[in-house]
Amino acid sequence: MQKSNQAGKNSDPVTIKPFPVEICILAVQFYPLQKTVVTIFFLFLAFITLSYLLGSCRKEQKTNGLQLLQQEVPAGFPSPAYTFHDNPLTQEGFELGRKLFYDNRLSIDGSISCASCHQQIAGFGTFEHDRSHGVFDSHTLRNASVLFNLAWNKAFHWDGEFGKLQDAVAQPINGHIEMGETFQGVIAKLERDDEYRKAFKNVFGSPFIRPEYILKALSQFTGYLVSANSKYDKVKRGEAGFTTQELNGYNIYKASCATCHPEPLFTDYSYRNIGLPVDNFLDDFGRMRITGKKEDSLKFKVPTLRNCNISSNYMHDGRFNTLQQCINHYRNGVQQSATLDPLLANGITLTNAEINDLFQFLKTLTDSTFLRDTRFQHPQ
């Protein structure tokens, strides 16, 4: 009570002062400004919406006047993981990608093209060579993977570093021990070529050559490469038959190889440690390089067996020259380690006769039509 009385004794009467005239004037002036800001906001929103709609129209118009290509999905194949939904397949886009694929100007010293390491004769892998050569006589870390049936991949490269085909295409162009070039450098060279400028404008509707257009064209070419017409495929379609030895080899494959290399793609796209000793010079521990997880140490993507008879060398570093060496590894060369695939704990036991039969079956996976297909050859 004492506190209350003291407060009452010392308080002055409360007076309410009017706002200064200046504040009132400012408030009146601010009101139309507020309306202007709101108007600008809605105009900006309308602009963004209109730009999006026009952009969508342009995407649809990009294929106007172009010859659309149907993505090939062979009978018996699963649905592809990539369907070109963001990069419509056209004959013109495919041809532009083919031209780029064989062009040395994509490398900084003009010595290397995509086709230097991905040769059609080897299923678009490196023919009879361990690891790829890059610019300025450099040597890359790994063996170049084959490039067919890429639309069924969910990740790319031996360690699955890239989840999108276009990203996988970009890496070797920019890789310092592969093609060693920048997109600015590539574009500067291509823009000096009238045919390239016309082709890019025709396919993508832009007078400018952009990095994404280069990658989309290359993805159309490489993503369209499908191998599915080997003797094995003809047998499955009822157009041919296995010899006795090939049939025996097919049964051996199903018993000893099919878990990791299932039909019809002959890979499960998994990452496995198959017991290869580490090359001390390369010091390559596979998928662990990407994930940083010790349980991924020495794991590499399971390659397809399609066209394996003509796509030597073998393994991620090309250490084996022949299929015989690969089989011998599984028979008696598997190295034990913490991440070794359990299926290989005891290796794979095969007799010499069984190996010969298995070789005969693996030869039936060679797609000679694909290897000689003129659509995929160097453009004339």
Protein backbone atom coordinates (compact mmCIF):
# COMPACT_ATOMS: atom_id res chain seq x y z
CA MET A 1 0.00 0.00 0.00
CA GLN A 2 2.86 2.32 0.77
CA LYS A 3 4.26 1.82 -2.71
CA SER A 4 0.87 2.50 -4.26
CA ASN A 5 0.33 5.68 -2.23
CA GLN A 6 3.76 6.98 -3.13
CA ALA A 7 3.11 6.37 -6.74
CA GLY A 8 -0.21 8.17 -6.60
CA LYS A 9 1.32 11.11 -4.77
CA ASN A 10 4.02 11.71 -7.40
CA SER A 11 1.98 10.99 -10.61
CA ASP A 12 1.13 13.75 -13.06
CA PRO A 13 -2.13 13.90 -15.03
CA VAL A 14 -1.94 11.95 -18.30
CA THR A 15 -2.26 14.08 -21.42
CA ILE A 16 -2.66 12.76 -24.97
CA LYS A 17 -0.75 14.76 -27.54
CA PRO A 18 -1.87 14.81 -31.18
CA PHE A 19 0.41 13.29 -33.86
CA PRO A 20 2.67 15.81 -35.48
CA VAL A 21 1.41 17.08 -38.79
CA GLU A 22 4.54 15.72 -40.50
CA ILE A 23 3.69 12.12 -39.51
CA CYS A 24 0.14 12.44 -40.80
CA ILE A 25 1.40 13.78 -44.11
CA LEU A 26 3.93 10.92 -44.32
CA ALA A 27 1.20 8.33 -43.67
CA VAL A 28 -0.94 9.82 -46.43
CA GLN A 29 2.04 9.76 -48.78
CA PHE A 30 2.95 6.16 -47.85
CA TYR A 31 -0.50 4.74 -48.66
CA PRO A 32 -0.22 5.11 -52.46
CA LEU A 33 3.40 3.91 -52.23
CA GLN A 34 2.16 0.76 -50.49
CA LYS A 35 -0.36 0.22 -53.27
CA THR A 36 2.44 0.65 -55.82
CA VAL A 37 4.60 -1.97 -54.12
CA VAL A 38 1.71 -4.45 -54.07
CA THR A 39 1.01 -3.73 -57.74
CA ILE A 40 4.66 -4.29 -58.65
CA PHE A 41 4.67 -7.57 -56.73
CA PHE A 42 1.67 -8.93 -58.61
CA LEU A 43 3.05 -7.76 -61.94
CA PHE A 44 6.31 -9.57 -61.14
CA LEU A 45 4.39 -12.73 -60.21
CA ALA A 46 2.43 -12.52 -63.46
CA PHE A 47 5.70 -12.11 -65.40
CA ILE A 48 7.22 -15.21 -63.79
CA THR A 49 4.07 -17.23 -64.53
CA LEU A 50 3.98 -16.05 -68.15
CA SER A 51 7.69 -16.84 -68.56
CA TYR A 52 7.12 -20.36 -67.25
CA LEU A 53 4.21 -20.93 -69.61
CA LEU A 54 6.15 -19.57 -72.56
CA GLY A 55 9.12 -21.71 -71.55
CA SER A 56 6.87 -24.76 -71.54
CA CYS A 57 5.64 -23.83 -74.99
CA ARG A 58 9.21 -23.45 -76.22
CA LYS A 59 10.08 -26.89 -74.86
CA GLU A 60 7.24 -28.37 -76.88
CA GLN A 61 8.19 -26.35 -79.95
CA LYS A 62 11.82 -27.48 -79.87
CA THR A 63 10.89 -30.67 -81.72
CA ASN A 64 8.72 -28.93 -84.31
CA GLY A 65 10.09 -29.73 -87.74
CA LEU A 66 12.46 -32.35 -86.32
CA GLN A 67 12.26 -36.10 -86.83
CA LEU A 68 11.32 -37.73 -83.53
CA LEU A 69 13.02 -41.00 -82.61
CA GLN A 70 11.35 -43.76 -80.65
CA GLN A 71 13.41 -45.07 -77.75
CA GLU A 72 14.21 -48.71 -78.39
CA VAL A 73 13.16 -51.13 -75.65
CA PRO A 74 13.95 -54.68 -76.80
CA ALA A 75 11.50 -57.49 -76.11
CA GLY A 76 12.17 -59.02 -72.72
CA PHE A 77 14.02 -55.96 -71.39
CA PRO A 78 12.66 -54.17 -68.32
CA SER A 79 11.50 -50.57 -68.58
CA PRO A 80 14.49 -48.24 -68.91
CA ALA A 81 15.48 -46.06 -65.98
CA TYR A 82 15.95 -43.08 -68.31
CA THR A 83 13.29 -42.22 -70.88
CA PHE A 84 14.62 -38.91 -72.30
CA HIS A 85 11.72 -37.05 -70.69
CA ASP A 86 13.91 -33.96 -70.34
CA ASN A 87 15.71 -34.38 -73.66
CA PRO A 88 13.37 -35.42 -76.49
CA LEU A 89 15.03 -37.85 -78.88
CA THR A 90 15.26 -36.58 -82.45
CA GLN A 91 17.21 -37.72 -85.47
CA GLU A 92 18.82 -34.31 -85.66
CA GLY A 93 19.81 -34.36 -81.97
CA PHE A 94 21.20 -37.86 -82.31
CA GLU A 95 23.26 -36.87 -85.38
CA LEU A 96 24.59 -33.79 -83.60
CA GLY A 97 25.58 -35.98 -80.66
CA ARG A 98 27.30 -38.44 -82.99
CA LYS A 99 29.31 -35.65 -84.59
CA LEU A 100 30.39 -34.36 -81.17
CA PHE A 101 31.25 -37.89 -80.00
CA TYR A 102 33.85 -38.27 -82.76
CA ASP A 103 35.20 -34.69 -82.62
CA ASN A 104 38.70 -34.16 -81.19
CA ARG A 105 37.89 -30.50 -80.60
CA LEU A 106 36.23 -31.51 -77.35
CA SER A 107 39.74 -32.01 -75.89
CA ILE A 108 42.08 -29.19 -75.00
CA ASP A 109 44.97 -30.34 -77.21
CA GLY A 110 42.81 -31.64 -80.07
CA SER A 111 44.10 -35.19 -79.68
CA ILE A 112 41.23 -36.99 -77.93
CA SER A 113 37.56 -37.53 -78.74
CA CYS A 114 34.98 -39.60 -76.88
CA ALA A 115 35.54 -42.28 -79.51
CA SER A 116 39.25 -42.47 -78.68
CA CYS A 117 38.39 -44.44 -75.54
CA HIS A 118 34.95 -45.75 -76.56
CA GLN A 119 35.42 -47.64 -79.81
CA GLN A 120 32.54 -49.29 -81.62
CA ILE A 121 34.62 -52.38 -82.40
CA ALA A 122 34.83 -53.00 -78.63
CA GLY A 123 31.18 -52.29 -77.82
CA PHE A 124 32.17 -48.66 -77.29
CA GLY A 125 34.79 -49.63 -74.72
CA THR A 126 38.57 -49.41 -75.08
CA PHE A 127 39.79 -52.17 -77.41
CA GLU A 128 42.55 -54.36 -75.95
CA HIS A 129 43.89 -51.69 -73.61
CA ASP A 130 44.05 -51.56 -69.84
CA ARG A 131 43.26 -47.93 -69.03
CA SER A 132 42.36 -44.99 -71.20
CA HIS A 133 44.85 -42.44 -72.47
CA GLY A 134 44.05 -38.77 -72.00
CA VAL A 135 45.41 -35.44 -73.23
CA PHE A 136 49.12 -34.67 -73.15
CA ASP A 137 49.92 -38.43 -73.02
CA SER A 138 48.25 -38.85 -69.62
CA HIS A 139 46.91 -42.17 -68.37
CA THR A 140 43.55 -42.38 -66.63
CA LEU A 141 42.71 -44.27 -63.46
CA ARG A 142 40.34 -46.86 -64.94
CA ASN A 143 39.34 -48.94 -67.90
CA ALA A 144 36.71 -47.29 -70.11
CA SER A 145 33.31 -48.93 -69.63
CA VAL A 146 31.21 -50.01 -72.61
CA LEU A 147 28.49 -47.52 -73.55
CA PHE A 148 25.52 -49.54 -74.77
CA ASN A 149 22.20 -49.99 -72.93
CA LEU A 150 22.97 -46.92 -70.81
CA ALA A 151 19.29 -46.02 -70.47
CA TRP A 152 18.93 -48.91 -68.00
CA ASN A 153 21.65 -47.56 -65.70
CA LYS A 154 20.67 -45.70 -62.55
CA ALA A 155 24.24 -44.57 -61.89
CA PHE A 156 27.34 -44.27 -64.04
CA HIS A 157 31.07 -45.06 -63.89
CA TRP A 158 32.73 -47.92 -62.06
CA ASP A 159 32.02 -46.35 -58.68
CA GLY A 160 28.56 -44.93 -59.44
CA GLU A 161 29.76 -41.37 -59.03
CA PHE A 162 27.11 -39.88 -61.31
CA GLY A 163 23.37 -40.40 -61.06
CA LYS A 164 22.51 -38.74 -64.38
CA LEU A 165 23.74 -39.55 -67.86
CA GLN A 166 24.42 -35.90 -68.70
CA ASP A 167 26.63 -35.52 -65.61
CA ALA A 168 28.55 -38.65 -66.58
CA VAL A 169 29.07 -37.20 -70.07
CA ALA A 170 30.42 -33.93 -68.68
CA GLN A 171 33.11 -35.48 -66.48
CA PRO A 172 35.54 -36.72 -69.17
CA ILE A 173 35.32 -33.42 -71.07
CA ASN A 174 36.41 -31.51 -67.98
CA GLY A 175 38.65 -34.21 -66.48
CA HIS A 176 42.25 -32.97 -66.42
CA ILE A 177 43.70 -36.38 -67.35
CA GLU A 178 40.99 -37.20 -69.89
CA MET A 179 39.99 -34.42 -72.30
CA GLY A 180 41.11 -31.56 -70.07
CA GLU A 181 38.89 -28.91 -71.63
CA THR A 182 36.41 -26.35 -70.29
CA PHE A 183 32.99 -25.81 -71.80
CA GLN A 184 33.99 -22.24 -72.58
CA GLY A 185 36.92 -23.61 -74.57
CA VAL A 186 34.80 -26.19 -76.38
CA ILE A 187 32.12 -23.64 -77.24
CA ALA A 188 34.67 -21.15 -78.56
CA LYS A 189 35.91 -23.80 -81.01
CA LEU A 190 32.47 -25.02 -82.05
CA GLU A 191 31.13 -21.52 -82.64
CA ARG A 192 33.76 -21.01 -85.33
CA ASP A 193 32.11 -23.85 -87.27
CA ASP A 194 29.07 -22.77 -89.32
CA GLU A 195 27.68 -26.31 -89.48
CA TYR A 196 27.74 -26.66 -85.70
CA ARG A 197 26.04 -23.29 -85.18
CA LYS A 198 23.26 -24.25 -87.60
CA ALA A 199 22.86 -27.71 -86.08
CA PHE A 200 22.60 -26.46 -82.50
CA LYS A 201 20.08 -23.79 -83.49
CA ASN A 202 18.05 -26.36 -85.43
CA VAL A 203 17.95 -28.88 -82.56
CA PHE A 204 17.67 -26.59 -79.54
CA GLY A 205 16.19 -23.43 -81.03
CA SER A 206 18.89 -21.12 -79.70
CA PRO A 207 21.46 -19.05 -81.59
CA PHE A 208 23.92 -19.79 -78.79
CA ILE A 209 25.81 -23.03 -78.11
CA ARG A 210 25.51 -23.81 -74.41
CA PRO A 211 27.06 -26.51 -72.21
CA GLU A 212 23.69 -28.15 -71.55
CA TYR A 213 23.05 -28.44 -75.29
CA ILE A 214 26.38 -30.19 -75.81
CA LEU A 215 25.57 -32.64 -73.01
CA LYS A 216 22.04 -33.25 -74.24
CA ALA A 217 23.23 -34.01 -77.77
CA LEU A 218 25.90 -36.42 -76.51
CA SER A 219 23.34 -38.04 -74.20
CA GLN A 220 20.98 -38.57 -77.12
CA PHE A 221 23.69 -40.38 -79.06
CA THR A 222 25.10 -42.52 -76.24
CA GLY A 223 21.71 -43.15 -74.64
CA TYR A 224 20.34 -44.43 -77.93
CA LEU A 225 23.01 -47.15 -78.25
CA VAL A 226 21.20 -50.43 -77.65
CA SER A 227 22.74 -53.88 -78.01
CA ALA A 228 20.16 -56.68 -78.11
CA ASN A 229 20.67 -58.70 -81.29
CA SER A 230 23.27 -61.31 -80.35
CA LYS A 231 22.86 -65.03 -81.00
CA TYR A 232 21.61 -65.31 -77.41
CA ASP A 233 18.85 -62.79 -78.22
CA LYS A 234 17.95 -64.67 -81.39
CA VAL A 235 17.68 -67.90 -79.41
CA LYS A 236 15.37 -66.18 -76.95
CA ARG A 237 13.24 -64.92 -79.85
CA GLY A 238 13.08 -68.40 -81.37
CA GLU A 239 15.17 -67.42 -84.40
CA ALA A 240 18.19 -69.62 -83.63
CA GLY A 241 19.34 -72.43 -81.35
CA PHE A 242 22.32 -73.09 -79.07
CA THR A 243 24.85 -75.77 -79.91
CA THR A 244 25.30 -78.49 -77.30
CA GLN A 245 28.40 -76.79 -75.94
CA GLU A 246 26.71 -73.35 -75.85
CA LEU A 247 23.71 -74.83 -74.03
CA ASN A 248 26.00 -76.47 -71.48
CA GLY A 249 27.72 -73.11 -71.02
CA TYR A 250 24.35 -71.40 -70.60
CA ASN A 251 23.48 -73.77 -67.78
CA ILE A 252 26.88 -73.18 -66.14
CA TYR A 253 26.31 -69.43 -66.43
CA LYS A 254 22.92 -69.76 -64.72
CA ALA A 255 24.43 -71.79 -61.90
CA SER A 256 27.60 -69.77 -61.32
CA CYS A 257 27.26 -66.27 -62.81
CA ALA A 258 23.61 -65.23 -63.05
CA THR A 259 23.25 -63.89 -59.50
CA CYS A 260 25.45 -60.89 -60.30
CA HIS A 261 24.95 -60.94 -64.09
CA PRO A 262 21.23 -61.70 -64.53
CA GLU A 263 19.45 -61.84 -67.87
CA PRO A 264 18.65 -59.99 -70.05
CA LEU A 265 21.02 -57.09 -69.27
CA PHE A 266 23.64 -59.42 -67.76
CA THR A 267 24.34 -57.08 -64.85
CA ASP A 268 22.43 -56.22 -61.69
CA TYR A 269 24.17 -52.80 -61.54
CA SER A 270 25.26 -53.52 -57.97
CA TYR A 271 28.65 -52.71 -56.42
CA ARG A 272 30.67 -55.68 -55.23
CA ASN A 273 34.11 -56.57 -53.96
CA ILE A 274 35.13 -59.58 -56.04
CA GLY A 275 38.44 -60.14 -54.28
CA LEU A 276 40.84 -58.27 -56.55
CA PRO A 277 44.05 -57.20 -54.77
CA VAL A 278 44.64 -53.45 -54.67
CA ASP A 279 47.03 -52.05 -57.27
CA ASN A 280 49.50 -50.15 -55.09
CA PHE A 281 50.23 -47.65 -57.83
CA LEU A 282 46.59 -46.77 -58.57
CA ASP A 283 45.45 -47.08 -54.94
CA ASP A 284 41.85 -47.36 -56.11
CA PHE A 285 39.33 -48.43 -53.48
CA GLY A 286 36.25 -48.09 -55.67
CA ARG A 287 32.90 -46.92 -54.37
CA MET A 288 34.34 -45.91 -51.00
CA ARG A 289 35.87 -42.97 -52.87
CA ILE A 290 32.33 -41.68 -53.45
CA THR A 291 30.47 -42.65 -50.28
CA GLY A 292 33.31 -42.42 -47.77
CA LYS A 293 31.99 -45.59 -46.14
CA LYS A 294 34.48 -48.29 -45.21
CA GLU A 295 31.90 -50.97 -46.03
CA ASP A 296 32.15 -49.84 -49.68
CA SER A 297 35.90 -50.40 -49.83
CA LEU A 298 37.03 -52.26 -52.98
CA LYS A 299 33.51 -52.39 -54.41
CA PHE A 300 33.04 -51.67 -58.10
CA LYS A 301 29.99 -51.80 -60.36
CA VAL A 302 29.19 -55.20 -61.85
CA PRO A 303 29.80 -54.88 -65.62
CA THR A 304 27.57 -56.40 -68.25
CA LEU A 305 28.61 -59.66 -69.91
CA ARG A 306 27.09 -58.58 -73.22
CA ASN A 307 29.80 -58.27 -75.87
CA CYS A 308 32.39 -59.33 -73.27
CA ASN A 309 34.26 -61.50 -75.79
CA ILE A 310 35.28 -58.42 -77.78
CA SER A 311 35.57 -55.77 -75.04
CA SER A 312 38.92 -56.62 -73.44
CA ASN A 313 40.63 -55.51 -71.27
CA TYR A 314 38.68 -56.50 -68.17
CA MET A 315 38.02 -55.31 -64.61
CA HIS A 316 37.94 -51.70 -63.42
CA ASP A 317 41.65 -51.18 -64.12
CA GLY A 318 41.93 -53.44 -67.16
CA ARG A 319 44.34 -55.76 -65.38
CA PHE A 320 43.18 -58.87 -67.24
CA ASN A 321 43.74 -59.23 -70.98
CA THR A 322 41.58 -62.30 -71.54
CA LEU A 323 38.41 -63.94 -70.29
CA GLN A 324 40.53 -66.93 -69.29
CA GLN A 325 42.37 -64.72 -66.79
CA CYS A 326 39.03 -63.52 -65.42
CA ILE A 327 37.82 -67.08 -64.89
CA ASN A 328 41.11 -68.07 -63.29
CA HIS A 329 40.71 -65.23 -60.81
CA TYR A 330 37.34 -66.59 -59.70
CA ARG A 331 38.74 -70.11 -59.50
CA ASN A 332 41.83 -69.45 -57.40
CA GLY A 333 42.67 -65.74 -57.20
CA VAL A 334 40.01 -64.30 -54.89
CA GLN A 335 41.56 -62.28 -52.03
CA GLN A 336 39.81 -62.43 -48.67
CA SER A 337 38.85 -59.10 -47.06
CA ALA A 338 36.21 -57.60 -44.78
CA THR A 339 34.05 -56.40 -47.70
CA LEU A 340 34.44 -59.44 -49.98
CA ASP A 341 31.15 -60.49 -51.53
CA PRO A 342 29.91 -63.53 -49.55
CA LEU A 343 29.12 -65.32 -52.82
CA LEU A 344 32.86 -65.47 -53.52
CA ALA A 345 34.04 -66.58 -50.09
CA ASN A 346 35.11 -69.91 -51.58
CA GLY A 347 35.66 -68.74 -55.15
CA ILE A 348 33.91 -70.47 -58.07
CA THR A 349 34.77 -74.08 -58.76
CA LEU A 350 34.80 -74.99 -62.46
CA THR A 351 36.49 -77.75 -64.42
CA ASN A 352 38.43 -77.01 -67.60
CA ALA A 353 35.65 -78.57 -69.65
CA GLU A 354 33.04 -76.38 -67.94
CA ILE A 355 35.14 -73.30 -68.60
CA ASN A 356 35.36 -74.13 -72.29
CA ASP A 357 31.59 -74.53 -72.44
CA LEU A 358 31.10 -71.25 -70.57
CA PHE A 359 33.35 -69.47 -73.08
CA GLN A 360 31.22 -70.77 -75.93
CA PHE A 361 28.10 -69.37 -74.28
CA LEU A 362 29.71 -65.99 -73.59
CA LYS A 363 30.53 -65.72 -77.29
CA THR A 364 26.80 -65.91 -78.04
CA LEU A 365 26.42 -62.56 -76.24
CA THR A 366 28.38 -60.79 -79.01
CA ASP A 367 26.11 -58.51 -81.02
CA SER A 368 27.82 -58.26 -84.40
CA THR A 369 24.98 -56.18 -85.82
CA PHE A 370 25.54 -53.54 -83.15
CA LEU A 371 29.31 -53.56 -83.65
CA ARG A 372 28.89 -52.86 -87.37
CA ASP A 373 25.84 -50.58 -87.24
CA THR A 374 26.58 -47.68 -89.58
CA ARG A 375 24.28 -45.37 -87.58
CA PHE A 376 26.86 -45.32 -84.82
CA GLN A 377 30.01 -45.03 -86.91
CA HIS A 378 32.12 -41.93 -87.49
CA PRO A 379 29.98 -39.51 -89.57
CA GLN A 380 31.21 -39.05 -93.11
